[in-house]
Amino acid sequence: MPTETRRLVFSSDELVEALNAHRKLANGKMPEGKIVFCRVGETSDFRVSVKILPPGRSEVQTFHLDGDYVGAALIGYCAQCKIPLPRGAEKNLQACGNNVALNLSLNAATQALPNFVRTDAALH
């Protein structure tokens, strides 16, 4: 059976937007403040480093975010932007320079096909 693949590439600005929106849902993983720096790691272990300037402070704080956190932020960003994603797809992240690619793979053999119902209206 064929496998469907998609690749969505997010710019660093879109990544920062996604992280800012997800921060409110993530229960303190990242503190409030302005993200002043964001770099996607080029290692085999996917991670993103961010530097945040908390309100009323002059020192930035550095945080390292793992793929699960970044993936959840990007999936939420897609939902907010009304970009449909197949729920059953395998998802992984990949660094593309300072951009992030969300790779989706959906194997047709493992997905249930919809039931097709033939009605009298369809025959006329």
Protein backbone atom coordinates (compact mmCIF):
# COMPACT_ATOMS: atom_id res chain seq x y z
CA MET A 1 0.00 0.00 0.00
CA PRO A 2 1.21 3.53 -0.68
CA THR A 3 2.48 5.83 2.02
CA GLU A 4 1.49 9.48 2.05
CA THR A 5 4.15 11.95 3.17
CA ARG A 6 3.95 15.66 3.86
CA ARG A 7 6.54 18.15 5.00
CA LEU A 8 5.64 21.46 6.59
CA VAL A 9 8.57 23.86 7.04
CA PHE A 10 8.20 26.57 9.67
CA SER A 11 10.33 29.73 9.67
CA SER A 12 12.03 30.84 12.86
CA ASP A 13 9.38 33.58 13.24
CA GLU A 14 6.60 30.99 12.97
CA LEU A 15 8.42 28.78 15.48
CA VAL A 16 8.60 31.68 17.94
CA GLU A 17 4.87 32.36 17.42
CA ALA A 18 4.09 28.68 18.07
CA LEU A 19 6.26 28.60 21.21
CA ASN A 20 4.66 31.78 22.56
CA ALA A 21 1.16 30.39 22.06
CA HIS A 22 2.08 27.00 23.52
CA ARG A 23 3.77 28.53 26.57
CA LYS A 24 0.36 29.37 28.04
CA LEU A 25 -0.66 25.70 27.90
CA ALA A 26 2.62 24.15 29.04
CA ASN A 27 2.43 24.88 32.78
CA GLY A 28 5.65 26.78 33.36
CA LYS A 29 8.08 24.96 31.05
CA MET A 30 9.04 28.38 29.68
CA PRO A 31 8.73 31.57 31.73
CA GLU A 32 6.92 34.68 30.55
CA GLY A 33 8.98 37.17 28.60
CA LYS A 34 10.14 38.04 25.13
CA ILE A 35 11.95 35.38 23.13
CA VAL A 36 15.03 37.26 21.94
CA PHE A 37 16.89 34.31 20.39
CA CYS A 38 15.85 30.97 18.97
CA ARG A 39 18.14 28.35 17.43
CA VAL A 40 17.34 24.91 16.14
CA GLY A 41 19.97 22.34 17.14
CA GLU A 42 21.80 20.49 14.37
CA THR A 43 22.43 17.39 16.48
CA SER A 44 20.83 13.95 16.16
CA ASP A 45 18.84 14.73 19.31
CA PHE A 46 16.30 17.35 18.17
CA ARG A 47 16.12 20.39 20.41
CA VAL A 48 15.62 24.11 20.24
CA SER A 49 17.48 26.65 22.36
CA VAL A 50 15.66 29.84 23.27
CA LYS A 51 16.76 32.91 25.18
CA ILE A 52 14.00 34.75 27.00
CA LEU A 53 14.09 38.24 28.48
CA PRO A 54 11.66 38.14 31.43
CA PRO A 55 9.60 41.29 32.09
CA GLY A 56 11.39 43.82 34.29
CA ARG A 57 14.76 42.05 34.01
CA SER A 58 17.94 42.81 32.13
CA GLU A 59 19.37 39.27 32.02
CA VAL A 60 18.22 36.69 29.51
CA GLN A 61 17.48 33.12 30.52
CA THR A 62 18.38 30.19 28.26
CA PHE A 63 16.11 27.17 27.87
CA HIS A 64 16.47 23.99 25.84
CA LEU A 65 13.22 22.55 24.52
CA ASP A 66 12.95 18.93 23.38
CA GLY A 67 11.19 17.61 20.31
CA ASP A 68 8.02 16.66 22.17
CA TYR A 69 7.53 20.22 23.42
CA VAL A 70 8.34 21.81 20.06
CA GLY A 71 6.17 19.27 18.22
CA ALA A 72 3.21 19.99 20.47
CA ALA A 73 3.71 23.74 19.91
CA LEU A 74 3.81 23.31 16.11
CA ILE A 75 0.76 21.03 16.06
CA GLY A 76 -1.12 23.63 18.11
CA TYR A 77 0.07 26.33 15.71
CA CYS A 78 -1.28 24.30 12.77
CA ALA A 79 -4.64 23.99 14.52
CA GLN A 80 -4.70 27.75 15.18
CA CYS A 81 -3.86 28.46 11.50
CA LYS A 82 -6.40 25.86 10.33
CA ILE A 83 -3.74 23.67 8.68
CA PRO A 84 -5.18 20.14 8.73
CA LEU A 85 -2.93 17.36 9.99
CA PRO A 86 -3.76 13.65 9.83
CA ARG A 87 -4.22 12.49 13.41
CA GLY A 88 -2.88 8.97 12.73
CA ALA A 89 0.26 10.09 10.91
CA GLU A 90 3.73 9.43 12.27
CA LYS A 91 5.29 12.79 13.02
CA ASN A 92 8.92 13.82 13.43
CA LEU A 93 10.88 17.04 13.46
CA GLN A 94 13.95 17.93 11.47
CA ALA A 95 16.22 20.94 11.49
CA CYS A 96 16.45 22.81 8.17
CA GLY A 97 18.99 25.52 8.87
CA ASN A 98 17.25 27.70 11.44
CA ASN A 99 13.84 26.46 10.28
CA VAL A 100 11.97 23.41 11.53
CA ALA A 101 10.34 20.79 9.31
CA LEU A 102 7.40 18.77 10.60
CA ASN A 103 7.44 15.52 8.62
CA LEU A 104 4.23 13.50 8.46
CA SER A 105 3.93 9.96 7.17
CA LEU A 106 0.66 8.09 6.79
CA ASN A 107 0.62 4.47 5.70
CA ALA A 108 -2.62 3.69 3.88
CA ALA A 109 -2.50 0.03 4.93
CA THR A 110 -2.86 0.90 8.61
CA GLN A 111 -5.68 3.42 8.19
CA ALA A 112 -9.33 2.47 8.22
CA LEU A 113 -11.10 3.28 4.99
CA PRO A 114 -14.38 5.18 5.27
CA ASN A 115 -17.57 3.23 4.81
CA PHE A 116 -19.23 4.12 1.55
CA VAL A 117 -23.02 4.03 1.68
CA ARG A 118 -24.98 3.80 -1.50
CA THR A 119 -28.32 5.57 -1.32
CA ASP A 120 -31.21 5.80 -3.76
CA ALA A 121 -30.48 9.52 -4.17
CA ALA A 122 -26.99 8.68 -5.44
CA LEU A 123 -28.48 6.44 -8.16
CA HIS A 124 -30.62 9.16 -9.79
